[in-house]
Amino acid sequence: QVQLIESGGGLVQAGDSLRLSCEGAGRSFITQGMGWFRQAPGKEREFVSAINWNGGKTLYAASVQGRFTISRDHAKNTMYLQMDSLKPEDTAVYYCAAKWVESASGRTIPSEGAHEYSYWGQGTQVTVSS
């Protein structure tokens, strides 16, 4: 069974940091692009960050640029999202996602479109208090 397993969410205060992890199970995602999305209560899911297959290219939403850092560890089949200077508006359920594509462009270009991702994690709650 192919799974993406997120961890690292929690309740923190504004200005604190958290690191989310997303481990692939049942399939290696080291040749695929991956990404993070989030959904706050009453809002639509939104793009947060994406990384290409080798970690050489990254993409961030304007709202998190300069505060969040995406990375991946091929040896562990795991992707990370380091979140610094957290704000109450970062409160949401965070989802990791992985592509499954054959094209070189699909693997080398980070994507912000949710429709481009084939696998999704169950989500981890991040709550930032003011």
Protein backbone atom coordinates (compact mmCIF):
# COMPACT_ATOMS: atom_id res chain seq x y z
CA GLN A 1 0.00 0.00 0.00
CA VAL A 2 1.38 3.38 -1.03
CA GLN A 3 1.23 6.00 1.67
CA LEU A 4 2.52 9.42 2.54
CA ILE A 5 2.81 9.76 6.29
CA GLU A 6 3.00 13.25 7.77
CA SER A 7 4.20 14.13 11.24
CA GLY A 8 5.42 17.11 13.21
CA GLY A 9 2.30 19.21 13.58
CA GLY A 10 1.27 20.73 16.88
CA LEU A 11 0.23 23.76 18.87
CA VAL A 12 2.76 26.59 19.08
CA GLN A 13 2.84 30.30 19.76
CA ALA A 14 3.34 33.02 17.19
CA GLY A 15 7.02 33.34 16.33
CA ASP A 16 7.81 29.71 17.09
CA SER A 17 9.05 27.06 14.67
CA LEU A 18 7.89 23.61 13.61
CA ARG A 19 9.27 21.03 11.20
CA LEU A 20 6.86 18.83 9.31
CA SER A 21 7.95 15.51 7.84
CA CYS A 22 6.41 13.46 5.06
CA GLU A 23 7.67 9.90 4.67
CA GLY A 24 6.84 7.80 1.65
CA ALA A 25 5.88 4.19 2.26
CA GLY A 26 5.24 1.43 -0.23
CA ARG A 27 6.88 3.31 -3.09
CA SER A 28 10.00 5.37 -3.62
CA PHE A 29 9.32 8.98 -4.54
CA ILE A 30 12.93 9.99 -5.05
CA THR A 31 12.39 10.54 -8.79
CA GLN A 32 9.25 12.61 -8.30
CA GLY A 33 8.37 16.14 -7.36
CA MET A 34 6.61 16.68 -4.06
CA GLY A 35 4.77 19.48 -2.36
CA TRP A 36 2.96 20.84 0.67
CA PHE A 37 -0.56 22.24 0.76
CA ARG A 38 -2.71 23.48 3.61
CA GLN A 39 -6.37 23.99 4.37
CA ALA A 40 -7.69 26.31 7.05
CA PRO A 41 -11.23 25.96 8.46
CA GLY A 42 -13.77 27.33 6.04
CA LYS A 43 -11.20 27.91 3.33
CA GLU A 44 -10.10 26.09 0.23
CA ARG A 45 -6.89 24.09 0.12
CA GLU A 46 -3.96 26.25 -0.91
CA PHE A 47 -0.46 25.68 -2.18
CA VAL A 48 2.39 26.20 0.28
CA SER A 49 5.61 24.89 -1.27
CA ALA A 50 6.98 22.42 -3.79
CA ILE A 51 10.30 20.76 -4.57
CA ASN A 52 11.53 18.97 -7.65
CA TRP A 53 12.86 15.44 -7.73
CA ASN A 54 16.46 16.21 -6.75
CA GLY A 55 15.81 19.17 -4.47
CA GLY A 56 17.51 21.56 -6.85
CA LYS A 57 14.40 23.65 -7.51
CA THR A 58 11.86 24.89 -5.01
CA LEU A 59 8.74 27.03 -5.11
CA TYR A 60 6.94 28.90 -2.35
CA ALA A 61 3.66 30.71 -1.92
CA ALA A 62 4.17 34.43 -1.35
CA SER A 63 2.63 34.13 2.11
CA VAL A 64 5.38 31.79 3.34
CA GLN A 65 8.36 32.94 1.27
CA GLY A 66 11.31 33.67 3.53
CA ARG A 67 9.77 31.88 6.53
CA PHE A 68 9.34 28.29 5.32
CA THR A 69 11.97 25.99 3.83
CA ILE A 70 11.22 22.81 1.92
CA SER A 71 13.78 20.02 1.60
CA ARG A 72 14.03 16.29 1.03
CA ASP A 73 16.21 13.36 1.98
CA HIS A 74 16.34 10.66 -0.67
CA ALA A 75 17.98 8.15 1.63
CA LYS A 76 14.93 8.36 3.90
CA ASN A 77 12.33 8.84 1.14
CA THR A 78 11.21 11.82 3.20
CA MET A 79 10.32 15.46 2.55
CA TYR A 80 10.41 18.22 5.15
CA LEU A 81 8.88 21.65 5.70
CA GLN A 82 10.76 23.84 8.17
CA MET A 83 8.38 26.54 9.33
CA ASP A 84 9.88 29.52 11.15
CA SER A 85 8.34 32.75 12.43
CA LEU A 86 4.92 31.13 12.49
CA LYS A 87 1.87 33.36 12.43
CA PRO A 88 -1.73 32.67 13.54
CA GLU A 89 -2.74 32.78 9.87
CA ASP A 90 -0.54 29.71 9.28
CA THR A 91 -3.04 27.67 11.29
CA ALA A 92 -4.32 24.87 9.06
CA VAL A 93 -4.17 21.19 8.30
CA TYR A 94 -1.03 20.62 6.27
CA TYR A 95 -0.94 17.96 3.58
CA CYS A 96 2.02 16.56 1.71
CA ALA A 97 1.66 15.34 -1.82
CA ALA A 98 3.71 13.49 -4.40
CA LYS A 99 3.58 13.37 -8.16
CA TRP A 100 3.81 10.25 -10.23
CA VAL A 101 4.86 11.30 -13.72
CA GLU A 102 7.15 10.04 -16.45
CA SER A 103 8.08 13.31 -18.16
CA ALA A 104 11.36 15.01 -17.40
CA SER A 105 9.61 18.37 -17.12
CA GLY A 106 7.16 16.95 -14.64
CA ARG A 107 10.01 15.79 -12.46
CA THR A 108 12.25 18.83 -12.75
CA ILE A 109 9.75 21.67 -12.37
CA PRO A 110 8.10 22.22 -8.98
CA SER A 111 4.30 22.47 -9.28
CA GLU A 112 1.73 24.44 -7.34
CA GLY A 113 -1.29 22.84 -8.94
CA ALA A 114 -2.94 20.28 -6.69
CA HIS A 115 -4.25 18.40 -9.73
CA GLU A 116 -0.67 17.48 -10.67
CA TYR A 117 -0.18 15.36 -7.57
CA SER A 118 -1.22 11.71 -7.43
CA TYR A 119 -0.59 10.81 -3.81
CA TRP A 120 -1.68 12.66 -0.67
CA GLY A 121 -1.02 12.28 3.03
CA GLN A 122 -3.69 12.27 5.72
CA GLY A 123 -2.78 15.73 6.99
CA THR A 124 -1.27 17.08 10.18
CA GLN A 125 -2.73 19.92 12.22
CA VAL A 126 -0.70 23.06 12.83
CA THR A 127 -2.17 25.58 15.25
CA VAL A 128 -0.46 28.89 15.96
CA SER A 129 -1.76 30.92 18.86
CA SER A 130 -1.32 34.68 19.11
